[in-house]
Amino acid sequence: MIIYNVTVNIDDSIREEWIAWMKDVHIPAVMETGMFINNRFCKVLVEEESGTTYSIQYQLKDMEAFQLYQELYAAQLQKEHKEKYEGRFVAFRTLLEQIDETHYTK
C-alpha cells in the first residue's frame, strides 16, 4: 500500500473554517477522483510556535494510482487550496510505502 501524506500548518485565526472546508469540500473532492481507498484527517500533537499542524493521509492501492492522481488531479486541487488560504498555511507532502500492519487486541 502507498500512503500520500499531506502535512499542513494552518494559521489559528482561520483554523476552524479550514477544518470545515477540508472535511466538507477538499477531502471529498480528493476522494471523488477515485484514486484513493480511504483517508485519515489527524491533528499533529506537538506545540508549534504559530498555527496548528494537521496530517491528511490518503491510502492508495499502488504507485500507478498515485501517478495518475498526480497527472490528472493534483495540480487543480492544490491550486484551489492555495488560492483560498494563500499566506495562511505551510504544506509539505510525503509519499510512504506501508511495509506491515499489525492489530493487537486483548
PDB file of N, CA and C in Angstrom:
ATOM      1  N   MET A   1       0.828  -1.183   0.000  1.00  0.00           N
ATOM      2  CA  MET A   1       0.000   0.000   0.000  1.00  0.00           C
ATOM      3  C   MET A   1       0.875   1.250   0.000  1.00  0.00           C
ATOM      4  N   ILE A   2       0.354   2.281  -0.602  1.00  0.00           N
ATOM      5  CA  ILE A   2       1.019   3.578  -0.649  1.00  0.00           C
ATOM      6  C   ILE A   2       0.174   4.565   0.155  1.00  0.00           C
ATOM      7  N   ILE A   3       0.838   5.415   0.930  1.00  0.00           N
ATOM      8  CA  ILE A   3       0.159   6.455   1.692  1.00  0.00           C
ATOM      9  C   ILE A   3       0.693   7.802   1.228  1.00  0.00           C
ATOM     10  N   TYR A   4      -0.209   8.642   0.770  1.00  0.00           N
ATOM     11  CA  TYR A   4       0.115  10.009   0.370  1.00  0.00           C
ATOM     12  C   TYR A   4      -0.243  10.892   1.559  1.00  0.00           C
ATOM     13  N   ASN A   5       0.784  11.425   2.221  1.00  0.00           N
ATOM     14  CA  ASN A   5       0.594  12.211   3.431  1.00  0.00           C
ATOM     15  C   ASN A   5       0.793  13.691   3.119  1.00  0.00           C
ATOM     16  N   VAL A   6      -0.194  14.493   3.461  1.00  0.00           N
ATOM     17  CA  VAL A   6      -0.105  15.942   3.296  1.00  0.00           C
ATOM     18  C   VAL A   6      -0.122  16.554   4.694  1.00  0.00           C
ATOM     19  N   THR A   7       0.963  17.238   5.055  1.00  0.00           N
ATOM     20  CA  THR A   7       1.068  17.885   6.355  1.00  0.00           C
ATOM     21  C   THR A   7       0.876  19.378   6.148  1.00  0.00           C
ATOM     22  N   VAL A   8      -0.049  19.956   6.912  1.00  0.00           N
ATOM     23  CA  VAL A   8      -0.388  21.371   6.768  1.00  0.00           C
ATOM     24  C   VAL A   8      -0.343  22.047   8.129  1.00  0.00           C
ATOM     25  N   ASN A   9       0.376  23.160   8.198  1.00  0.00           N
ATOM     26  CA  ASN A   9       0.312  24.034   9.379  1.00  0.00           C
ATOM     27  C   ASN A   9      -0.562  25.211   8.972  1.00  0.00           C
ATOM     28  N   ILE A  10      -1.666  25.389   9.690  1.00  0.00           N
ATOM     29  CA  ILE A  10      -2.650  26.409   9.335  1.00  0.00           C
ATOM     30  C   ILE A  10      -2.697  27.486  10.407  1.00  0.00           C
ATOM     31  N   ASP A  11      -2.837  28.718   9.986  1.00  0.00           N
ATOM     32  CA  ASP A  11      -2.939  29.855  10.900  1.00  0.00           C
ATOM     33  C   ASP A  11      -4.140  29.659  11.821  1.00  0.00           C
ATOM     34  N   ASP A  12      -3.937  29.864  13.115  1.00  0.00           N
ATOM     35  CA  ASP A  12      -5.009  29.638  14.088  1.00  0.00           C
ATOM     36  C   ASP A  12      -6.224  30.537  13.870  1.00  0.00           C
ATOM     37  N   SER A  13      -6.041  31.697  13.243  1.00  0.00           N
ATOM     38  CA  SER A  13      -7.167  32.615  13.042  1.00  0.00           C
ATOM     39  C   SER A  13      -8.210  32.065  12.067  1.00  0.00           C
ATOM     40  N   ILE A  14      -7.838  31.101  11.243  1.00  0.00           N
ATOM     41  CA  ILE A  14      -8.778  30.519  10.282  1.00  0.00           C
ATOM     42  C   ILE A  14      -8.909  29.004  10.438  1.00  0.00           C
ATOM     43  N   ARG A  15      -8.366  28.478  11.512  1.00  0.00           N
ATOM     44  CA  ARG A  15      -8.312  27.020  11.711  1.00  0.00           C
ATOM     45  C   ARG A  15      -9.679  26.353  11.602  1.00  0.00           C
ATOM     46  N   GLU A  16     -10.676  26.842  12.308  1.00  0.00           N
ATOM     47  CA  GLU A  16     -11.996  26.190  12.295  1.00  0.00           C
ATOM     48  C   GLU A  16     -12.631  26.237  10.904  1.00  0.00           C
ATOM     49  N   GLU A  17     -12.506  27.374  10.225  1.00  0.00           N
ATOM     50  CA  GLU A  17     -13.018  27.480   8.853  1.00  0.00           C
ATOM     51  C   GLU A  17     -12.310  26.485   7.939  1.00  0.00           C
ATOM     52  N   TRP A  18     -10.981  26.408   8.071  1.00  0.00           N
ATOM     53  CA  TRP A  18     -10.175  25.498   7.237  1.00  0.00           C
ATOM     54  C   TRP A  18     -10.563  24.040   7.489  1.00  0.00           C
ATOM     55  N   ILE A  19     -10.720  23.664   8.760  1.00  0.00           N
ATOM     56  CA  ILE A  19     -11.110  22.284   9.075  1.00  0.00           C
ATOM     57  C   ILE A  19     -12.451  21.952   8.408  1.00  0.00           C
ATOM     58  N   ALA A  20     -13.417  22.846   8.522  1.00  0.00           N
ATOM     59  CA  ALA A  20     -14.727  22.614   7.903  1.00  0.00           C
ATOM     60  C   ALA A  20     -14.591  22.493   6.387  1.00  0.00           C
ATOM     61  N   TRP A  21     -13.795  23.366   5.770  1.00  0.00           N
ATOM     62  CA  TRP A  21     -13.604  23.318   4.315  1.00  0.00           C
ATOM     63  C   TRP A  21     -12.917  22.023   3.902  1.00  0.00           C
ATOM     64  N   MET A  22     -11.928  21.609   4.669  1.00  0.00           N
ATOM     65  CA  MET A  22     -11.238  20.348   4.357  1.00  0.00           C
ATOM     66  C   MET A  22     -12.213  19.177   4.425  1.00  0.00           C
ATOM     67  N   LYS A  23     -13.008  19.119   5.497  1.00  0.00           N
ATOM     68  CA  LYS A  23     -13.928  17.998   5.694  1.00  0.00           C
ATOM     69  C   LYS A  23     -15.100  18.013   4.711  1.00  0.00           C
ATOM     70  N   ASP A  24     -15.595  19.206   4.380  1.00  0.00           N
ATOM     71  CA  ASP A  24     -16.790  19.305   3.548  1.00  0.00           C
ATOM     72  C   ASP A  24     -16.512  19.432   2.054  1.00  0.00           C
ATOM     73  N   VAL A  25     -15.338  19.964   1.698  1.00  0.00           N
ATOM     74  CA  VAL A  25     -15.059  20.262   0.292  1.00  0.00           C
ATOM     75  C   VAL A  25     -13.809  19.541  -0.223  1.00  0.00           C
ATOM     76  N   HIS A  26     -12.674  19.845   0.366  1.00  0.00           N
ATOM     77  CA  HIS A  26     -11.409  19.389  -0.224  1.00  0.00           C
ATOM     78  C   HIS A  26     -11.209  17.876  -0.152  1.00  0.00           C
ATOM     79  N   ILE A  27     -11.309  17.302   1.040  1.00  0.00           N
ATOM     80  CA  ILE A  27     -11.093  15.853   1.154  1.00  0.00           C
ATOM     81  C   ILE A  27     -12.113  15.073   0.325  1.00  0.00           C
ATOM     82  N   PRO A  28     -13.406  15.436   0.352  1.00  0.00           N
ATOM     83  CA  PRO A  28     -14.336  14.734  -0.542  1.00  0.00           C
ATOM     84  C   PRO A  28     -13.958  14.862  -2.021  1.00  0.00           C
ATOM     85  N   ALA A  29     -13.449  16.026  -2.437  1.00  0.00           N
ATOM     86  CA  ALA A  29     -13.036  16.197  -3.837  1.00  0.00           C
ATOM     87  C   ALA A  29     -11.856  15.283  -4.176  1.00  0.00           C
ATOM     88  N   VAL A  30     -10.914  15.165  -3.258  1.00  0.00           N
ATOM     89  CA  VAL A  30      -9.785  14.256  -3.480  1.00  0.00           C
ATOM     90  C   VAL A  30     -10.292  12.821  -3.582  1.00  0.00           C
ATOM     91  N   MET A  31     -11.166  12.426  -2.685  1.00  0.00           N
ATOM     92  CA  MET A  31     -11.678  11.056  -2.702  1.00  0.00           C
ATOM     93  C   MET A  31     -12.523  10.772  -3.949  1.00  0.00           C
ATOM     94  N   GLU A  32     -13.219  11.786  -4.444  1.00  0.00           N
ATOM     95  CA  GLU A  32     -14.054  11.602  -5.637  1.00  0.00           C
ATOM     96  C   GLU A  32     -13.239  11.355  -6.900  1.00  0.00           C
ATOM     97  N   THR A  33     -11.922  11.568  -6.849  1.00  0.00           N
ATOM     98  CA  THR A  33     -11.087  11.242  -8.009  1.00  0.00           C
ATOM     99  C   THR A  33     -11.080   9.747  -8.272  1.00  0.00           C
ATOM    100  N   GLY A  34     -11.414   8.949  -7.252  1.00  0.00           N
ATOM    101  CA  GLY A  34     -11.425   7.503  -7.400  1.00  0.00           C
ATOM    102  C   GLY A  34     -10.050   6.864  -7.280  1.00  0.00           C
ATOM    103  N   MET A  35      -9.041   7.640  -6.965  1.00  0.00           N
ATOM    104  CA  MET A  35      -7.679   7.121  -6.889  1.00  0.00           C
ATOM    105  C   MET A  35      -7.337   6.565  -5.510  1.00  0.00           C
ATOM    106  N   PHE A  36      -8.117   6.933  -4.494  1.00  0.00           N
ATOM    107  CA  PHE A  36      -7.769   6.598  -3.115  1.00  0.00           C
ATOM    108  C   PHE A  36      -8.749   5.606  -2.511  1.00  0.00           C
ATOM    109  N   ILE A  37      -8.231   4.764  -1.608  1.00  0.00           N
ATOM    110  CA  ILE A  37      -9.028   3.742  -0.935  1.00  0.00           C
ATOM    111  C   ILE A  37      -9.710   4.326   0.296  1.00  0.00           C
ATOM    112  N   ASN A  38      -8.960   5.107   1.089  1.00  0.00           N
ATOM    113  CA  ASN A  38      -9.506   5.731   2.282  1.00  0.00           C
ATOM    114  C   ASN A  38      -8.629   6.910   2.676  1.00  0.00           C
ATOM    115  N   ASN A  39      -9.032   7.595   3.743  1.00  0.00           N
ATOM    116  CA  ASN A  39      -8.229   8.727   4.226  1.00  0.00           C
ATOM    117  C   ASN A  39      -8.367   8.858   5.726  1.00  0.00           C
ATOM    118  N   ARG A  40      -7.406   9.568   6.305  1.00  0.00           N
ATOM    119  CA  ARG A  40      -7.434   9.931   7.721  1.00  0.00           C
ATOM    120  C   ARG A  40      -7.088  11.405   7.826  1.00  0.00           C
ATOM    121  N   PHE A  41      -7.793  12.109   8.696  1.00  0.00           N
ATOM    122  CA  PHE A  41      -7.537  13.529   8.941  1.00  0.00           C
ATOM    123  C   PHE A  41      -7.127  13.630  10.405  1.00  0.00           C
ATOM    124  N   CYS A  42      -5.863  13.965  10.660  1.00  0.00           N
ATOM    125  CA  CYS A  42      -5.306  13.919  12.011  1.00  0.00           C
ATOM    126  C   CYS A  42      -4.722  15.264  12.422  1.00  0.00           C
ATOM    127  N   LYS A  43      -4.811  15.551  13.710  1.00  0.00           N
ATOM    128  CA  LYS A  43      -4.127  16.698  14.278  1.00  0.00           C
ATOM    129  C   LYS A  43      -2.775  16.209  14.786  1.00  0.00           C
ATOM    130  N   VAL A  44      -1.707  16.939  14.463  1.00  0.00           N
ATOM    131  CA  VAL A  44      -0.373  16.602  14.941  1.00  0.00           C
ATOM    132  C   VAL A  44      -0.241  17.160  16.360  1.00  0.00           C
ATOM    133  N   LEU A  45       0.100  16.303  17.295  1.00  0.00           N
ATOM    134  CA  LEU A  45       0.113  16.682  18.705  1.00  0.00           C
ATOM    135  C   LEU A  45       1.494  17.167  19.153  1.00  0.00           C
ATOM    136  N   VAL A  46       1.892  18.292  18.594  1.00  0.00           N
ATOM    137  CA  VAL A  46       3.113  18.978  19.021  1.00  0.00           C
ATOM    138  C   VAL A  46       2.785  20.454  19.147  1.00  0.00           C
ATOM    139  N   GLU A  47       3.478  21.114  20.042  1.00  0.00           N
ATOM    140  CA  GLU A  47       3.276  22.554  20.177  1.00  0.00           C
ATOM    141  C   GLU A  47       4.090  23.263  19.109  1.00  0.00           C
ATOM    142  N   GLU A  48       3.466  24.198  18.427  1.00  0.00           N
ATOM    143  CA  GLU A  48       4.099  24.961  17.366  1.00  0.00           C
ATOM    144  C   GLU A  48       4.290  26.392  17.828  1.00  0.00           C
ATOM    145  N   GLU A  49       5.265  27.072  17.231  1.00  0.00           N
ATOM    146  CA  GLU A  49       5.437  28.495  17.526  1.00  0.00           C
ATOM    147  C   GLU A  49       4.229  29.286  17.043  1.00  0.00           C
ATOM    148  N   SER A  50       3.674  28.858  15.920  1.00  0.00           N
ATOM    149  CA  SER A  50       2.469  29.501  15.409  1.00  0.00           C
ATOM    150  C   SER A  50       1.663  28.481  14.620  1.00  0.00           C
ATOM    151  N   GLY A  51       0.367  28.650  14.619  1.00  0.00           N
ATOM    152  CA  GLY A  51      -0.511  27.767  13.882  1.00  0.00           C
ATOM    153  C   GLY A  51      -0.680  26.404  14.523  1.00  0.00           C
ATOM    154  N   THR A  52      -1.470  25.585  13.864  1.00  0.00           N
ATOM    155  CA  THR A  52      -1.729  24.208  14.283  1.00  0.00           C
ATOM    156  C   THR A  52      -1.455  23.314  13.085  1.00  0.00           C
ATOM    157  N   THR A  53      -0.855  22.151  13.347  1.00  0.00           N
ATOM    158  CA  THR A  53      -0.455  21.262  12.261  1.00  0.00           C
ATOM    159  C   THR A  53      -1.382  20.057  12.176  1.00  0.00           C
ATOM    160  N   TYR A  54      -1.724  19.701  10.941  1.00  0.00           N
ATOM    161  CA  TYR A  54      -2.582  18.561  10.651  1.00  0.00           C
ATOM    162  C   TYR A  54      -1.916  17.671   9.616  1.00  0.00           C
ATOM    163  N   SER A  55      -2.270  16.395   9.650  1.00  0.00           N
ATOM    164  CA  SER A  55      -1.794  15.420   8.670  1.00  0.00           C
ATOM    165  C   SER A  55      -3.017  14.786   8.026  1.00  0.00           C
ATOM    166  N   ILE A  56      -3.073  14.862   6.711  1.00  0.00           N
ATOM    167  CA  ILE A  56      -4.144  14.202   5.976  1.00  0.00           C
ATOM    168  C   ILE A  56      -3.487  13.066   5.208  1.00  0.00           C
ATOM    169  N   GLN A  57      -3.912  11.846   5.492  1.00  0.00           N
ATOM    170  CA  GLN A  57      -3.299  10.664   4.898  1.00  0.00           C
ATOM    171  C   GLN A  57      -4.305   9.985   3.978  1.00  0.00           C
ATOM    172  N   TYR A  58      -3.892   9.836   2.726  1.00  0.00           N
ATOM    173  CA  TYR A  58      -4.723   9.186   1.724  1.00  0.00           C
ATOM    174  C   TYR A  58      -4.057   7.874   1.334  1.00  0.00           C
ATOM    175  N   GLN A  59      -4.792   6.782   1.394  1.00  0.00           N
ATOM    176  CA  GLN A  59      -4.224   5.473   1.068  1.00  0.00           C
ATOM    177  C   GLN A  59      -4.575   5.086  -0.363  1.00  0.00           C
ATOM    178  N   LEU A  60      -3.552   4.597  -1.068  1.00  0.00           N
ATOM    179  CA  LEU A  60      -3.708   4.169  -2.458  1.00  0.00           C
ATOM    180  C   LEU A  60      -3.318   2.700  -2.591  1.00  0.00           C
ATOM    181  N   LYS A  61      -3.845   2.055  -3.609  1.00  0.00           N
ATOM    182  CA  LYS A  61      -3.524   0.658  -3.859  1.00  0.00           C
ATOM    183  C   LYS A  61      -2.084   0.492  -4.320  1.00  0.00           C
ATOM    184  N   ASP A  62      -1.629   1.400  -5.200  1.00  0.00           N
ATOM    185  CA  ASP A  62      -0.294   1.240  -5.777  1.00  0.00           C
ATOM    186  C   ASP A  62       0.218   2.566  -6.342  1.00  0.00           C
ATOM    187  N   MET A  63       1.457   2.570  -6.798  1.00  0.00           N
ATOM    188  CA  MET A  63       2.079   3.774  -7.344  1.00  0.00           C
ATOM    189  C   MET A  63       1.407   4.237  -8.630  1.00  0.00           C
ATOM    190  N   GLU A  64       0.854   3.324  -9.371  1.00  0.00           N
ATOM    191  CA  GLU A  64       0.157   3.694 -10.611  1.00  0.00           C
ATOM    192  C   GLU A  64      -1.008   4.636 -10.302  1.00  0.00           C
ATOM    193  N   ALA A  65      -1.752   4.342  -9.247  1.00  0.00           N
ATOM    194  CA  ALA A  65      -2.870   5.204  -8.852  1.00  0.00           C
ATOM    195  C   ALA A  65      -2.356   6.581  -8.438  1.00  0.00           C
ATOM    196  N   PHE A  66      -1.232   6.627  -7.719  1.00  0.00           N
ATOM    197  CA  PHE A  66      -0.655   7.909  -7.312  1.00  0.00           C
ATOM    198  C   PHE A  66      -0.207   8.713  -8.531  1.00  0.00           C
ATOM    199  N   GLN A  67       0.457   8.065  -9.457  1.00  0.00           N
ATOM    200  CA  GLN A  67       0.925   8.763 -10.654  1.00  0.00           C
ATOM    201  C   GLN A  67      -0.236   9.311 -11.464  1.00  0.00           C
ATOM    202  N   LEU A  68      -1.300   8.552 -11.560  1.00  0.00           N
ATOM    203  CA  LEU A  68      -2.493   9.004 -12.270  1.00  0.00           C
ATOM    204  C   LEU A  68      -3.121  10.204 -11.545  1.00  0.00           C
ATOM    205  N   TYR A  69      -3.180  10.149 -10.227  1.00  0.00           N
ATOM    206  CA  TYR A  69      -3.687  11.276  -9.442  1.00  0.00           C
ATOM    207  C   TYR A  69      -2.839  12.518  -9.723  1.00  0.00           C
ATOM    208  N   GLN A  70      -1.530  12.365  -9.688  1.00  0.00           N
ATOM    209  CA  GLN A  70      -0.630  13.492  -9.935  1.00  0.00           C
ATOM    210  C   GLN A  70      -0.857  14.083 -11.330  1.00  0.00           C
ATOM    211  N   GLU A  71      -0.997  13.246 -12.314  1.00  0.00           N
ATOM    212  CA  GLU A  71      -1.161  13.697 -13.705  1.00  0.00           C
ATOM    213  C   GLU A  71      -2.505  14.387 -13.945  1.00  0.00           C
ATOM    214  N   LEU A  72      -3.571  13.843 -13.357  1.00  0.00           N
ATOM    215  CA  LEU A  72      -4.915  14.294 -13.706  1.00  0.00           C
ATOM    216  C   LEU A  72      -5.554  15.279 -12.724  1.00  0.00           C
ATOM    217  N   TYR A  73      -5.206  15.208 -11.440  1.00  0.00           N
ATOM    218  CA  TYR A  73      -5.986  15.931 -10.441  1.00  0.00           C
ATOM    219  C   TYR A  73      -5.210  16.829  -9.487  1.00  0.00           C
ATOM    220  N   ALA A  74      -4.001  16.473  -9.136  1.00  0.00           N
ATOM    221  CA  ALA A  74      -3.279  17.136  -8.041  1.00  0.00           C
ATOM    222  C   ALA A  74      -3.132  18.635  -8.245  1.00  0.00           C
ATOM    223  N   ALA A  75      -2.717  19.056  -9.413  1.00  0.00           N
ATOM    224  CA  ALA A  75      -2.444  20.479  -9.644  1.00  0.00           C
ATOM    225  C   ALA A  75      -3.682  21.337  -9.375  1.00  0.00           C
ATOM    226  N   GLN A  76      -4.825  20.943  -9.868  1.00  0.00           N
ATOM    227  CA  GLN A  76      -6.045  21.722  -9.685  1.00  0.00           C
ATOM    228  C   GLN A  76      -6.481  21.755  -8.220  1.00  0.00           C
ATOM    229  N   LEU A  77      -6.434  20.604  -7.550  1.00  0.00           N
ATOM    230  CA  LEU A  77      -6.841  20.552  -6.147  1.00  0.00           C
ATOM    231  C   LEU A  77      -5.905  21.378  -5.270  1.00  0.00           C
ATOM    232  N   GLN A  78      -4.609  21.315  -5.528  1.00  0.00           N
ATOM    233  CA  GLN A  78      -3.648  22.115  -4.763  1.00  0.00           C
ATOM    234  C   GLN A  78      -3.828  23.604  -5.049  1.00  0.00           C
ATOM    235  N   LYS A  79      -4.139  23.944  -6.294  1.00  0.00           N
ATOM    236  CA  LYS A  79      -4.363  25.340  -6.669  1.00  0.00           C
ATOM    237  C   LYS A  79      -5.556  25.915  -5.906  1.00  0.00           C
ATOM    238  N   GLU A  80      -6.648  25.157  -5.810  1.00  0.00           N
ATOM    239  CA  GLU A  80      -7.833  25.617  -5.090  1.00  0.00           C
ATOM    240  C   GLU A  80      -7.507  25.900  -3.620  1.00  0.00           C
ATOM    241  N   HIS A  81      -6.741  25.018  -3.005  1.00  0.00           N
ATOM    242  CA  HIS A  81      -6.346  25.202  -1.602  1.00  0.00           C
ATOM    243  C   HIS A  81      -5.465  26.434  -1.462  1.00  0.00           C
ATOM    244  N   LYS A  82      -4.500  26.576  -2.353  1.00  0.00           N
ATOM    245  CA  LYS A  82      -3.572  27.708  -2.280  1.00  0.00           C
ATOM    246  C   LYS A  82      -4.312  29.031  -2.460  1.00  0.00           C
ATOM    247  N   GLU A  83      -5.207  29.091  -3.439  1.00  0.00           N
ATOM    248  CA  GLU A  83      -5.942  30.334  -3.692  1.00  0.00           C
ATOM    249  C   GLU A  83      -6.826  30.719  -2.507  1.00  0.00           C
ATOM    250  N   LYS A  84      -7.425  29.742  -1.861  1.00  0.00           N
ATOM    251  CA  LYS A  84      -8.335  30.021  -0.747  1.00  0.00           C
ATOM    252  C   LYS A  84      -7.592  30.438   0.524  1.00  0.00           C
ATOM    253  N   TYR A  85      -6.405  29.870   0.757  1.00  0.00           N
ATOM    254  CA  TYR A  85      -5.711  30.092   2.037  1.00  0.00           C
ATOM    255  C   TYR A  85      -4.286  30.623   1.876  1.00  0.00           C
ATOM    256  N   GLU A  86      -3.982  31.203   0.745  1.00  0.00           N
ATOM    257  CA  GLU A  86      -2.627  31.676   0.480  1.00  0.00           C
ATOM    258  C   GLU A  86      -2.117  32.603   1.584  1.00  0.00           C
ATOM    259  N   GLY A  87      -0.883  32.348   2.003  1.00  0.00           N
ATOM    260  CA  GLY A  87      -0.250  33.153   3.026  1.00  0.00           C
ATOM    261  C   GLY A  87      -0.629  32.763   4.448  1.00  0.00           C
ATOM    262  N   ARG A  88      -1.551  31.798   4.584  1.00  0.00           N
ATOM    263  CA  ARG A  88      -2.014  31.430   5.919  1.00  0.00           C
ATOM    264  C   ARG A  88      -1.757  29.959   6.241  1.00  0.00           C
ATOM    265  N   PHE A  89      -0.943  29.306   5.404  1.00  0.00           N
ATOM    266  CA  PHE A  89      -0.612  27.903   5.648  1.00  0.00           C
ATOM    267  C   PHE A  89       0.757  27.584   5.060  1.00  0.00           C
ATOM    268  N   VAL A  90       1.310  26.505   5.571  1.00  0.00           N
ATOM    269  CA  VAL A  90       2.524  25.904   5.014  1.00  0.00           C
ATOM    270  C   VAL A  90       2.202  24.424   4.864  1.00  0.00           C
ATOM    271  N   ALA A  91       2.564  23.847   3.718  1.00  0.00           N
ATOM    272  CA  ALA A  91       2.260  22.433   3.495  1.00  0.00           C
ATOM    273  C   ALA A  91       3.457  21.716   2.892  1.00  0.00           C
ATOM    274  N   PHE A  92       3.558  20.439   3.223  1.00  0.00           N
ATOM    275  CA  PHE A  92       4.512  19.591   2.508  1.00  0.00           C
ATOM    276  C   PHE A  92       3.899  18.208   2.371  1.00  0.00           C
ATOM    277  N   ARG A  93       4.360  17.510   1.375  1.00  0.00           N
ATOM    278  CA  ARG A  93       3.791  16.216   1.032  1.00  0.00           C
ATOM    279  C   ARG A  93       4.858  15.129   1.134  1.00  0.00           C
ATOM    280  N   THR A  94       4.424  13.960   1.611  1.00  0.00           N
ATOM    281  CA  THR A  94       5.315  12.814   1.764  1.00  0.00           C
ATOM    282  C   THR A  94       4.624  11.591   1.196  1.00  0.00           C
ATOM    283  N   LEU A  95       5.371  10.786   0.478  1.00  0.00           N
ATOM    284  CA  LEU A  95       4.845   9.542  -0.062  1.00  0.00           C
ATOM    285  C   LEU A  95       5.468   8.393   0.729  1.00  0.00           C
ATOM    286  N   LEU A  96       4.611   7.525   1.278  1.00  0.00           N
ATOM    287  CA  LEU A  96       5.067   6.429   2.125  1.00  0.00           C
ATOM    288  C   LEU A  96       4.643   5.094   1.533  1.00  0.00           C
ATOM    289  N   GLU A  97       5.483   4.087   1.705  1.00  0.00           N
ATOM    290  CA  GLU A  97       5.111   2.727   1.339  1.00  0.00           C
ATOM    291  C   GLU A  97       4.889   1.948   2.627  1.00  0.00           C
ATOM    292  N   GLN A  98       3.699   1.407   2.805  1.00  0.00           N
ATOM    293  CA  GLN A  98       3.393   0.636   4.001  1.00  0.00           C
ATOM    294  C   GLN A  98       4.053  -0.724   3.889  1.00  0.00           C
ATOM    295  N   ILE A  99       4.850  -1.077   4.894  1.00  0.00           N
ATOM    296  CA  ILE A  99       5.559  -2.356   4.916  1.00  0.00           C
ATOM    297  C   ILE A  99       4.734  -3.427   5.620  1.00  0.00           C
ATOM    298  N   ASP A 100       4.109  -3.052   6.728  1.00  0.00           N
ATOM    299  CA  ASP A 100       3.379  -4.018   7.526  1.00  0.00           C
ATOM    300  C   ASP A 100       2.322  -3.304   8.343  1.00  0.00           C
ATOM    301  N   GLU A 101       1.329  -4.036   8.788  1.00  0.00           N
ATOM    302  CA  GLU A 101       0.313  -3.501   9.682  1.00  0.00           C
ATOM    303  C   GLU A 101      -0.109  -4.607  10.630  1.00  0.00           C
ATOM    304  N   THR A 102      -0.118  -4.314  11.902  1.00  0.00           N
ATOM    305  CA  THR A 102      -0.493  -5.312  12.906  1.00  0.00           C
ATOM    306  C   THR A 102      -1.543  -4.708  13.815  1.00  0.00           C
ATOM    307  N   HIS A 103      -2.584  -5.441  14.099  1.00  0.00           N
ATOM    308  CA  HIS A 103      -3.631  -5.028  15.021  1.00  0.00           C
ATOM    309  C   HIS A 103      -3.588  -5.936  16.246  1.00  0.00           C
ATOM    310  N   TYR A 104      -3.524  -5.327  17.406  1.00  0.00           N
ATOM    311  CA  TYR A 104      -3.489  -6.083  18.649  1.00  0.00           C
ATOM    312  C   TYR A 104      -4.825  -5.927  19.379  1.00  0.00           C
ATOM    313  N   THR A 105      -5.302  -6.991  19.909  1.00  0.00           N
ATOM    314  CA  THR A 105      -6.500  -6.945  20.736  1.00  0.00           C
ATOM    315  C   THR A 105      -6.239  -7.729  22.009  1.00  0.00           C
ATOM    316  N   LYS A 106      -6.833  -7.318  23.076  1.00  0.00           N
ATOM    317  CA  LYS A 106      -6.676  -8.045  24.351  1.00  0.00           C
ATOM    318  C   LYS A 106      -8.023  -8.474  24.834  1.00  0.00           C
TER     319      LYS A 106
END
